[in-house]
Amino acid sequence: MKEKAVFILLILALNTGAYAQDYALDFDGVDDYVDMNASIISSTDNWTMMAWVKPRSFSATGGWRCVFYNGDDSGGYGFGFSGDKITGLFGVTAWHLTNQQVPGTDQWYHLAMRRSNGTVRFFLNGDTLNYSSTTAPLTPYANRATIGNMFSADHTTIYADSSFDGQIDEASLWSIALTDGEIREYMVQGLNGNETGLAAYYQMSDGSGTTLTDNSTNTNNGTLTNMVTTGGGSDWITSTVFNDSQADGNWNTTATWRLGRVPISSDNVRIGHAVTLDVNATVNTFAMDPSTTITLGSNTLTVAKTSDIDGTVTISTGTLDANGNFDATGGTLTFTGAAGLNLAGTVTSLGTMSSDNGTVTYDGTTQTVFSDTYNNLSVSGGTKTLGGDITLNGNLTINAGSTIEMSSYNVNIGGNLIIENGATWTKGSGITTFNASVSQTLTDNNSSPNNLGTVVVE
């Protein structure tokens, strides 16, 4: 094998809306691999590779641990780990080391690698890595795709020092460059198998036998090689990537959850039923199927990373604290009291959101305020730029240490405007309108009042 290529394609974890997948594959780090016996996509096209991985160990010498590869030692492309760093390999010698270390072993990570018009980008848990993207000029390789290892040029030998040691689940290969938002969505929600551009999808749902079924419409099945496929010690194992709901019920009841335990902070939780949050809870990622519900009541659900809401979230006086990227496209956010929605990441959509109760707080470092109608809106920390016109039926509060930039957009305020000491309002070409039928107050606690730009009082 040539100089060990370090490539990491962040493998995207995907599950069907029915959450039927209960298995993953365990690779021994010696000679286990899955052979598709054919190339799946052309290396010269736009493409995306994704998977969930749980490494058991990394190469002590910094050698290559292959997760997904399309090609062989004479050329191709794929991703994996060099030591504990995410890496990608393109062509014969074009190794791309991200310098992004993963926190450690025995944890699930979502990896993805995308090539778009020759430019390569890597993702870890849905976040774009700080990686100096380079152009990857590739020639096509009509060779074979593998999971867990890579072949030599003669297709008869695999490399023991390239063998992945750990578990792999929900691997997919695409003949298109997925958007950042699509990578984050499929990471937590999963695939139906007929998505546009999907070349292969390995849900790992077989559970036994030597065949790894391609759950797309393309029949790119793989063959488990050097792996135990039945009985005790089988390399088909129960997947712990997601702790899905398996019945209607309370959050703090073990029978509600597929893994037979209440979710812990490292869990990726997916709701496919009607669940009531009866305790404060913290999870890693959070996703909801269409036509499902979660009722927070007076409790707080804290999500460390991506939230993808396709169902209905109902909050009375509790809080949904979303610290990662947030997408409620097709979902509903219903506030029945002094509820809170805290947003720290990129907001793709707020879905159908009630605007007669509750407070939405943008508390990330640098954010775009999503164009929508809010009840109360608060911004805290860093710079917030309007992404479109916003309407407040209640109050707008700019907290100390934060800046709101209007740009060319309009702000319509039905309540009060409060600018705390140390907060900044940067006017743009848009118009600020006070439009309530009752008395309103502008409070600017700074010694030098902010210039609001054009103000209309109706």
Protein backbone atom coordinates (compact mmCIF):
# COMPACT_ATOMS: atom_id res chain seq x y z
CA MET A 1 0.00 0.00 0.00
CA LYS A 2 1.21 3.48 -0.73
CA GLU A 3 1.95 6.00 2.02
CA LYS A 4 -0.97 5.62 4.36
CA ALA A 5 -3.69 7.99 3.32
CA VAL A 6 -5.50 9.63 6.08
CA PHE A 7 -8.95 10.47 5.00
CA ILE A 8 -11.98 10.94 6.94
CA LEU A 9 -15.29 10.98 5.38
CA LEU A 10 -17.67 11.86 8.04
CA ILE A 11 -20.08 9.07 7.68
CA LEU A 12 -23.58 10.15 7.97
CA ALA A 13 -25.85 8.12 10.14
CA LEU A 14 -29.16 7.59 8.54
CA ASN A 15 -32.28 5.84 9.67
CA THR A 16 -35.65 5.38 8.08
CA GLY A 17 -38.59 7.30 9.44
CA ALA A 18 -39.86 4.02 10.92
CA TYR A 19 -36.61 3.62 12.91
CA ALA A 20 -36.44 -0.06 12.03
CA GLN A 21 -32.66 -0.31 12.17
CA ASP A 22 -31.42 -2.05 15.30
CA TYR A 23 -28.00 -3.35 14.20
CA ALA A 24 -24.46 -2.22 13.53
CA LEU A 25 -21.33 -4.06 12.35
CA ASP A 26 -18.31 -4.63 14.56
CA PHE A 27 -14.87 -4.68 12.86
CA ASP A 28 -11.94 -6.32 14.62
CA GLY A 29 -9.12 -4.06 13.38
CA VAL A 30 -7.29 -7.06 11.86
CA ASP A 31 -8.90 -8.38 8.69
CA ASP A 32 -12.66 -7.67 8.79
CA TYR A 33 -14.23 -5.84 5.85
CA VAL A 34 -17.31 -5.62 3.65
CA ASP A 35 -16.73 -5.99 -0.11
CA MET A 36 -19.16 -4.45 -2.62
CA ASN A 37 -17.15 -6.05 -5.48
CA ALA A 38 -17.67 -2.99 -7.69
CA SER A 39 -17.11 0.74 -7.80
CA ILE A 40 -20.23 2.68 -6.83
CA ILE A 41 -19.62 6.26 -7.99
CA SER A 42 -17.16 8.06 -10.25
CA SER A 43 -14.42 9.93 -8.44
CA THR A 44 -14.61 12.81 -10.92
CA ASP A 45 -18.19 13.73 -9.95
CA ASN A 46 -19.64 15.60 -7.02
CA TRP A 47 -20.25 13.13 -4.22
CA THR A 48 -20.79 12.69 -0.49
CA MET A 49 -19.81 9.86 1.88
CA MET A 50 -21.25 9.49 5.39
CA ALA A 51 -21.46 7.11 8.36
CA TRP A 52 -21.71 6.78 12.12
CA VAL A 53 -18.54 5.30 13.63
CA LYS A 54 -17.53 4.18 17.10
CA PRO A 55 -13.76 3.58 17.15
CA ARG A 56 -12.43 1.11 19.71
CA SER A 57 -8.80 2.03 19.11
CA PHE A 58 -6.66 4.16 16.81
CA SER A 59 -3.39 3.20 15.18
CA ALA A 60 -0.59 3.89 17.65
CA THR A 61 1.75 4.76 14.77
CA GLY A 62 -0.66 7.18 13.14
CA GLY A 63 -1.52 4.62 10.47
CA TRP A 64 -4.66 4.54 8.41
CA ARG A 65 -7.92 3.11 9.78
CA CYS A 66 -10.29 2.86 6.82
CA VAL A 67 -14.02 3.46 7.30
CA PHE A 68 -15.32 3.73 3.72
CA TYR A 69 -13.33 3.49 0.47
CA ASN A 70 -14.16 3.52 -3.25
CA GLY A 71 -11.18 2.24 -5.21
CA ASP A 72 -7.98 0.45 -4.24
CA ASP A 73 -4.33 1.12 -3.49
CA SER A 74 -3.77 2.27 -7.09
CA GLY A 75 -6.24 5.11 -6.61
CA GLY A 76 -9.64 6.06 -5.32
CA TYR A 77 -11.12 8.07 -2.50
CA GLY A 78 -12.48 7.50 0.95
CA PHE A 79 -12.22 8.47 4.59
CA GLY A 80 -11.11 7.21 7.96
CA PHE A 81 -8.65 8.02 10.72
CA SER A 82 -4.94 8.71 10.82
CA GLY A 83 -4.21 8.13 14.46
CA ASP A 84 -7.16 9.89 16.10
CA LYS A 85 -7.49 12.51 13.35
CA ILE A 86 -10.16 12.53 10.65
CA THR A 87 -8.64 12.11 7.22
CA GLY A 88 -9.53 11.68 3.55
CA LEU A 89 -7.73 10.03 0.65
CA PHE A 90 -8.15 11.09 -3.00
CA GLY A 91 -6.34 9.70 -6.00
CA VAL A 92 -3.09 7.90 -5.25
CA THR A 93 -1.17 10.28 -2.98
CA ALA A 94 -3.55 13.13 -2.13
CA TRP A 95 -3.98 12.62 1.60
CA HIS A 96 -6.04 15.25 3.33
CA LEU A 97 -5.54 15.43 7.07
CA THR A 98 -8.05 17.66 8.85
CA ASN A 99 -6.04 17.96 12.08
CA GLN A 100 -9.40 17.46 13.80
CA GLN A 101 -9.00 15.00 16.64
CA VAL A 102 -12.02 13.15 17.92
CA PRO A 103 -12.46 13.28 21.71
CA GLY A 104 -11.74 9.60 22.28
CA THR A 105 -12.68 5.99 21.72
CA ASP A 106 -15.92 4.13 22.47
CA GLN A 107 -18.11 7.06 21.44
CA TRP A 108 -20.32 7.41 18.38
CA TYR A 109 -19.34 10.09 15.87
CA HIS A 110 -21.02 11.12 12.68
CA LEU A 111 -18.56 11.66 9.87
CA ALA A 112 -19.14 13.04 6.39
CA MET A 113 -16.94 13.99 3.47
CA ARG A 114 -18.19 15.95 0.48
CA ARG A 115 -16.67 16.79 -2.90
CA SER A 116 -18.36 19.73 -4.63
CA ASN A 117 -16.94 21.02 -7.93
CA GLY A 118 -13.53 19.71 -6.97
CA THR A 119 -13.52 21.19 -3.46
CA VAL A 120 -13.49 18.84 -0.48
CA ARG A 121 -15.14 19.53 2.85
CA PHE A 122 -15.34 17.44 6.04
CA PHE A 123 -18.02 17.31 8.76
CA LEU A 124 -17.97 16.00 12.31
CA ASN A 125 -21.34 15.54 14.02
CA GLY A 126 -22.89 17.86 11.43
CA ASP A 127 -20.41 20.69 11.99
CA THR A 128 -18.08 21.83 9.23
CA LEU A 129 -14.47 21.25 10.20
CA ASN A 130 -11.99 24.10 10.16
CA TYR A 131 -10.12 22.64 7.23
CA SER A 132 -8.22 24.39 4.46
CA SER A 133 -10.26 23.02 1.59
CA THR A 134 -8.22 21.95 -1.42
CA THR A 135 -9.11 21.10 -4.96
CA ALA A 136 -9.05 17.36 -5.54
CA PRO A 137 -8.33 16.59 -9.20
CA LEU A 138 -9.27 12.95 -9.61
CA THR A 139 -9.32 10.38 -12.34
CA PRO A 140 -12.04 7.72 -12.34
CA TYR A 141 -11.32 4.37 -10.76
CA ALA A 142 -13.42 1.43 -11.88
CA ASN A 143 -12.51 -0.54 -8.81
CA ARG A 144 -14.39 -1.77 -5.75
CA ALA A 145 -15.97 -0.12 -2.76
CA THR A 146 -15.25 -1.44 0.73
CA ILE A 147 -16.24 -0.71 4.31
CA GLY A 148 -13.72 -1.24 7.10
CA ASN A 149 -10.62 -1.72 4.92
CA MET A 150 -9.18 -1.20 1.43
CA PHE A 151 -7.76 -3.45 -1.28
CA SER A 152 -4.38 -3.59 -2.94
CA ALA A 153 -4.23 -2.89 -6.67
CA ASP A 154 -4.51 -6.60 -7.55
CA HIS A 155 -7.78 -6.89 -5.57
CA THR A 156 -6.53 -9.97 -3.75
CA THR A 157 -5.03 -8.44 -0.60
CA ILE A 158 -6.39 -6.13 2.05
CA TYR A 159 -4.20 -4.25 4.50
CA ALA A 160 -4.17 -5.28 8.14
CA ASP A 161 -2.80 -1.86 9.13
CA SER A 162 -5.77 -0.20 7.40
CA SER A 163 -8.41 -2.25 9.21
CA PHE A 164 -10.98 -0.26 11.16
CA ASP A 165 -11.27 -1.25 14.82
CA GLY A 166 -14.74 -0.52 16.16
CA GLN A 167 -18.35 -0.25 15.04
CA ILE A 168 -19.88 1.26 11.89
CA ASP A 169 -23.53 2.01 11.24
CA GLU A 170 -25.75 3.92 8.80
CA ALA A 171 -23.22 4.32 5.97
CA SER A 172 -24.24 6.03 2.74
CA LEU A 173 -22.65 7.06 -0.53
CA TRP A 174 -24.10 9.77 -2.78
CA SER A 175 -23.49 10.81 -6.39
CA ILE A 176 -24.26 14.44 -5.49
CA ALA A 177 -22.83 17.01 -3.10
CA LEU A 178 -25.29 17.22 -0.23
CA THR A 179 -25.81 20.63 1.35
CA ASP A 180 -24.72 21.33 4.91
CA GLY A 181 -28.37 21.24 5.98
CA GLU A 182 -29.02 17.90 4.27
CA ILE A 183 -26.02 16.35 5.99
CA ARG A 184 -27.29 17.51 9.38
CA GLU A 185 -30.85 16.36 8.64
CA TYR A 186 -29.90 12.88 7.44
CA MET A 187 -27.49 12.54 10.34
CA VAL A 188 -30.33 12.49 12.85
CA GLN A 189 -33.45 11.64 10.84
CA GLY A 190 -32.36 9.03 8.33
CA LEU A 191 -33.23 7.94 4.82
CA ASN A 192 -36.16 6.41 3.00
CA GLY A 193 -33.81 4.83 0.45
CA ASN A 194 -35.08 6.64 -2.65
CA GLU A 195 -33.57 10.09 -2.09
CA THR A 196 -32.23 11.89 -5.16
CA GLY A 197 -28.55 11.13 -5.69
CA LEU A 198 -28.41 8.25 -3.20
CA ALA A 199 -26.01 5.67 -4.68
CA ALA A 200 -25.89 3.24 -1.74
CA TYR A 201 -27.33 3.12 1.78
CA TYR A 202 -26.19 0.56 4.32
CA GLN A 203 -28.64 0.73 7.20
CA MET A 204 -27.04 -2.40 8.70
CA SER A 205 -30.52 -3.83 9.26
CA ASP A 206 -29.80 -7.45 8.18
CA GLY A 207 -28.80 -8.64 11.65
CA SER A 208 -27.27 -11.94 10.47
CA GLY A 209 -25.72 -13.60 7.44
CA THR A 210 -22.93 -12.65 5.06
CA THR A 211 -24.86 -10.11 2.98
CA LEU A 212 -24.94 -6.40 3.76
CA THR A 213 -28.05 -5.13 2.00
CA ASP A 214 -28.04 -1.86 0.11
CA ASN A 215 -31.25 -0.19 1.31
CA SER A 216 -31.30 2.21 -1.62
CA THR A 217 -32.91 1.29 -4.95
CA ASN A 218 -29.53 0.43 -6.52
CA THR A 219 -28.77 -3.08 -5.16
CA ASN A 220 -25.12 -2.36 -4.35
CA ASN A 221 -25.05 -5.17 -1.79
CA GLY A 222 -21.87 -6.08 0.05
CA THR A 223 -20.36 -9.32 1.35
CA LEU A 224 -19.09 -9.64 4.91
CA THR A 225 -15.57 -11.07 4.77
CA ASN A 226 -13.59 -12.61 7.64
CA MET A 227 -16.48 -11.71 9.95
CA VAL A 228 -18.59 -13.80 12.35
CA THR A 229 -22.12 -13.65 10.96
CA THR A 230 -24.25 -15.79 13.31
CA GLY A 231 -24.38 -17.09 16.87
CA GLY A 232 -22.31 -16.06 19.85
CA GLY A 233 -19.65 -13.46 19.13
CA SER A 234 -21.40 -12.34 15.95
CA ASP A 235 -20.17 -9.12 14.37
CA TRP A 236 -23.84 -8.19 13.91
CA ILE A 237 -24.50 -6.29 17.12
CA THR A 238 -27.32 -4.20 18.56
CA SER A 239 -26.90 -0.61 17.46
CA THR A 240 -26.67 2.08 20.11
CA VAL A 241 -26.35 5.01 17.71
CA PHE A 242 -29.92 6.08 18.43
CA ASN A 243 -32.09 5.64 21.50
CA ASP A 244 -35.47 5.70 19.71
CA SER A 245 -38.84 5.86 21.37
CA GLN A 246 -40.65 2.55 20.99
CA ALA A 247 -43.98 3.47 22.62
CA ASP A 248 -46.07 6.40 23.81
CA GLY A 249 -45.14 7.32 27.36
CA ASN A 250 -43.15 9.42 29.80
CA TRP A 251 -39.53 10.30 29.11
CA ASN A 252 -38.37 8.98 32.47
CA THR A 253 -39.86 5.51 31.89
CA THR A 254 -37.54 2.80 30.54
CA ALA A 255 -40.34 1.11 28.55
CA THR A 256 -40.57 4.21 26.35
CA TRP A 257 -37.12 3.59 24.85
CA ARG A 258 -35.70 0.98 22.48
CA LEU A 259 -32.43 0.64 24.40
CA GLY A 260 -34.37 -0.17 27.57
CA ARG A 261 -33.06 2.81 29.49
CA VAL A 262 -33.88 6.48 29.88
CA PRO A 263 -31.73 8.62 27.51
CA ILE A 264 -28.40 9.88 28.82
CA SER A 265 -26.47 12.98 27.74
CA SER A 266 -24.46 11.12 25.06
CA ASP A 267 -27.57 9.62 23.39
CA ASN A 268 -28.92 10.59 19.99
CA VAL A 269 -32.67 10.58 20.64
CA ARG A 270 -35.39 10.16 18.02
CA ILE A 271 -39.09 10.48 18.77
CA GLY A 272 -41.55 8.35 16.82
CA HIS A 273 -44.42 8.48 19.34
CA ALA A 274 -46.17 10.75 21.85
CA VAL A 275 -43.70 11.44 24.67
CA THR A 276 -44.09 13.58 27.78
CA LEU A 277 -40.96 15.08 29.33
CA ASP A 278 -41.47 14.49 33.04
CA VAL A 279 -37.92 15.35 34.11
CA ASN A 280 -35.19 17.77 33.01
CA ALA A 281 -33.06 15.99 30.39
CA THR A 282 -29.91 16.46 28.30
CA VAL A 283 -29.17 14.62 25.04
CA ASN A 284 -26.59 14.78 22.26
CA THR A 285 -28.88 15.17 19.21
CA PHE A 286 -32.67 15.26 18.98
CA ALA A 287 -35.03 14.39 16.13
CA MET A 288 -38.78 13.97 15.72
CA ASP A 289 -40.71 12.07 13.09
CA PRO A 290 -43.73 13.71 11.40
CA SER A 291 -47.03 13.34 13.30
CA THR A 292 -45.25 12.77 16.63
CA THR A 293 -45.39 14.90 19.76
CA ILE A 294 -43.31 15.81 22.77
CA THR A 295 -44.75 17.81 25.66
CA LEU A 296 -42.18 19.61 27.79
CA GLY A 297 -44.57 21.17 30.29
CA SER A 298 -42.44 22.94 32.91
CA ASN A 299 -39.28 20.89 32.25
CA THR A 300 -36.16 21.67 30.21
CA LEU A 301 -34.79 19.59 27.35
CA THR A 302 -31.18 20.50 26.54
CA VAL A 303 -29.79 19.39 23.17
CA ALA A 304 -26.02 19.63 22.76
CA LYS A 305 -25.94 19.37 18.96
CA THR A 306 -28.41 19.13 16.07
CA SER A 307 -32.18 19.40 16.58
CA ASP A 308 -34.45 18.32 13.70
CA ILE A 309 -38.14 18.83 14.48
CA ASP A 310 -40.68 17.31 12.08
CA GLY A 311 -43.32 16.73 14.77
CA THR A 312 -44.96 18.97 17.37
CA VAL A 313 -43.21 20.38 20.45
CA THR A 314 -45.54 21.80 23.12
CA ILE A 315 -44.04 23.87 25.93
CA SER A 316 -45.88 25.48 28.84
CA THR A 317 -43.34 27.09 31.17
CA GLY A 318 -40.37 24.86 30.33
CA THR A 319 -37.52 25.37 27.86
CA LEU A 320 -36.14 23.72 24.75
CA ASP A 321 -32.44 24.64 24.92
CA ALA A 322 -31.01 23.92 21.45
CA ASN A 323 -27.24 24.43 21.49
CA GLY A 324 -26.55 23.17 17.97
CA ASN A 325 -28.08 23.65 14.54
CA PHE A 326 -31.89 23.85 14.55
CA ASP A 327 -34.35 22.87 11.80
CA ALA A 328 -38.11 22.67 12.37
CA THR A 329 -39.07 22.47 8.70
CA GLY A 330 -42.45 20.71 8.66
CA GLY A 331 -42.66 20.86 12.45
CA THR A 332 -44.72 22.85 14.94
CA LEU A 333 -43.59 24.79 18.03
CA THR A 334 -46.52 25.53 20.36
CA PHE A 335 -46.00 27.76 23.41
CA THR A 336 -48.89 27.67 25.87
CA GLY A 337 -47.31 29.86 28.56
CA ALA A 338 -44.06 31.63 29.42
CA ALA A 339 -42.12 28.99 27.51
CA GLY A 340 -38.54 29.37 26.32
CA LEU A 341 -36.79 28.38 23.10
CA ASN A 342 -33.03 29.00 23.26
CA LEU A 343 -31.13 28.86 19.98
CA ALA A 344 -27.32 28.84 19.87
CA GLY A 345 -26.62 27.52 16.36
CA THR A 346 -27.74 28.02 12.78
CA VAL A 347 -31.51 28.16 12.38
CA THR A 348 -32.82 26.68 9.13
CA SER A 349 -36.50 26.99 10.01
CA LEU A 350 -38.74 27.60 13.02
CA GLY A 351 -41.57 25.66 11.39
CA THR A 352 -45.05 26.73 12.46
CA MET A 353 -44.37 28.66 15.65
CA SER A 354 -47.01 30.19 17.93
CA SER A 355 -46.45 33.93 18.48
CA ASP A 356 -48.83 34.66 21.34
CA ASN A 357 -46.73 33.21 24.17
CA GLY A 358 -43.15 32.44 25.09
CA THR A 359 -39.72 33.93 24.46
CA VAL A 360 -37.21 32.94 21.77
CA THR A 361 -33.61 33.70 22.72
CA TYR A 362 -30.68 33.70 20.30
CA ASP A 363 -27.69 33.06 22.54
CA GLY A 364 -24.95 31.87 20.18
CA THR A 365 -21.78 33.75 19.30
CA THR A 366 -22.53 34.89 15.75
CA GLN A 367 -26.01 34.15 14.40
CA THR A 368 -28.62 35.13 11.86
CA VAL A 369 -32.04 35.86 13.33
CA PHE A 370 -34.55 33.86 11.33
CA SER A 371 -37.24 35.89 9.59
CA ASP A 372 -40.49 35.11 11.42
CA THR A 373 -43.17 36.42 13.77
CA TYR A 374 -42.24 36.08 17.45
CA ASN A 375 -43.95 36.82 20.74
CA ASN A 376 -40.95 37.99 22.79
CA LEU A 377 -37.48 37.94 21.22
CA SER A 378 -34.22 38.25 23.14
CA VAL A 379 -30.64 38.30 21.85
CA SER A 380 -27.71 37.52 24.09
CA GLY A 381 -23.98 37.39 23.39
CA GLY A 382 -22.18 38.13 20.14
CA THR A 383 -23.51 39.65 16.93
CA LYS A 384 -26.95 38.88 15.53
CA THR A 385 -27.77 39.82 11.95
CA LEU A 386 -31.34 39.89 10.71
CA GLY A 387 -31.97 37.32 8.00
CA GLY A 388 -35.20 39.04 6.92
CA ASP A 389 -38.04 41.12 8.32
CA ILE A 390 -39.09 40.21 11.86
CA THR A 391 -42.31 40.97 13.73
CA LEU A 392 -42.66 41.08 17.52
CA ASN A 393 -46.10 40.80 19.07
CA GLY A 394 -44.34 41.35 22.40
CA ASN A 395 -40.95 42.72 23.46
CA LEU A 396 -37.53 42.85 21.83
CA THR A 397 -34.61 42.77 24.31
CA ILE A 398 -30.97 43.34 23.36
CA ASN A 399 -28.89 42.09 26.28
CA ALA A 400 -25.54 43.47 27.46
CA GLY A 401 -22.60 42.35 25.35
CA SER A 402 -24.71 41.64 22.28
CA THR A 403 -25.22 43.45 18.98
CA ILE A 404 -28.14 43.34 16.58
CA GLU A 405 -27.55 44.44 12.99
CA MET A 406 -30.63 45.43 10.97
CA SER A 407 -29.03 45.35 7.53
CA SER A 408 -31.77 46.11 4.99
CA TYR A 409 -34.59 44.47 6.93
CA ASN A 410 -37.52 45.83 8.90
CA VAL A 411 -38.38 45.32 12.58
CA ASN A 412 -42.03 45.62 13.65
CA ILE A 413 -42.49 45.84 17.41
CA GLY A 414 -45.82 45.36 19.16
CA GLY A 415 -44.38 45.57 22.69
CA ASN A 416 -41.36 47.33 24.18
CA LEU A 417 -37.77 47.69 22.93
CA ILE A 418 -35.16 47.29 25.67
CA ILE A 419 -31.47 47.91 24.90
CA GLU A 420 -29.37 47.01 27.93
CA ASN A 421 -26.22 48.85 28.97
CA GLY A 422 -23.39 47.48 26.82
CA ALA A 423 -25.73 46.34 24.03
CA THR A 424 -25.55 47.73 20.50
CA TRP A 425 -28.16 48.35 17.84
CA THR A 426 -26.59 48.80 14.40
CA LYS A 427 -29.00 50.56 12.10
CA GLY A 428 -29.36 49.64 8.45
CA SER A 429 -31.58 50.74 5.62
CA GLY A 430 -34.61 48.99 7.11
CA ILE A 431 -37.36 50.61 9.18
CA THR A 432 -38.12 50.09 12.87
CA THR A 433 -41.87 50.35 13.46
CA PHE A 434 -43.68 50.61 16.81
CA ASN A 435 -47.11 49.35 15.88
CA ALA A 436 -49.06 48.50 19.05
CA SER A 437 -52.43 49.97 19.94
CA VAL A 438 -51.29 50.44 23.54
CA SER A 439 -48.46 52.42 25.13
CA GLN A 440 -44.95 51.24 24.28
CA THR A 441 -41.55 52.03 25.79
CA LEU A 442 -38.10 52.40 24.23
CA THR A 443 -35.46 51.88 26.91
CA ASP A 444 -31.82 52.46 25.95
CA ASN A 445 -29.62 52.01 29.01
CA ASN A 446 -26.43 53.16 27.27
CA SER A 447 -24.93 56.57 28.10
CA SER A 448 -24.82 57.28 24.37
CA PRO A 449 -28.16 56.20 22.90
CA ASN A 450 -28.16 53.92 19.89
CA ASN A 451 -29.16 55.19 16.47
CA LEU A 452 -32.16 53.09 15.46
CA GLY A 453 -32.25 54.40 11.92
CA THR A 454 -35.68 55.23 10.50
CA VAL A 455 -38.37 54.85 13.17
CA VAL A 456 -42.10 54.85 12.53
CA VAL A 457 -44.66 55.13 15.31
CA GLU A 458 -48.12 53.96 14.30
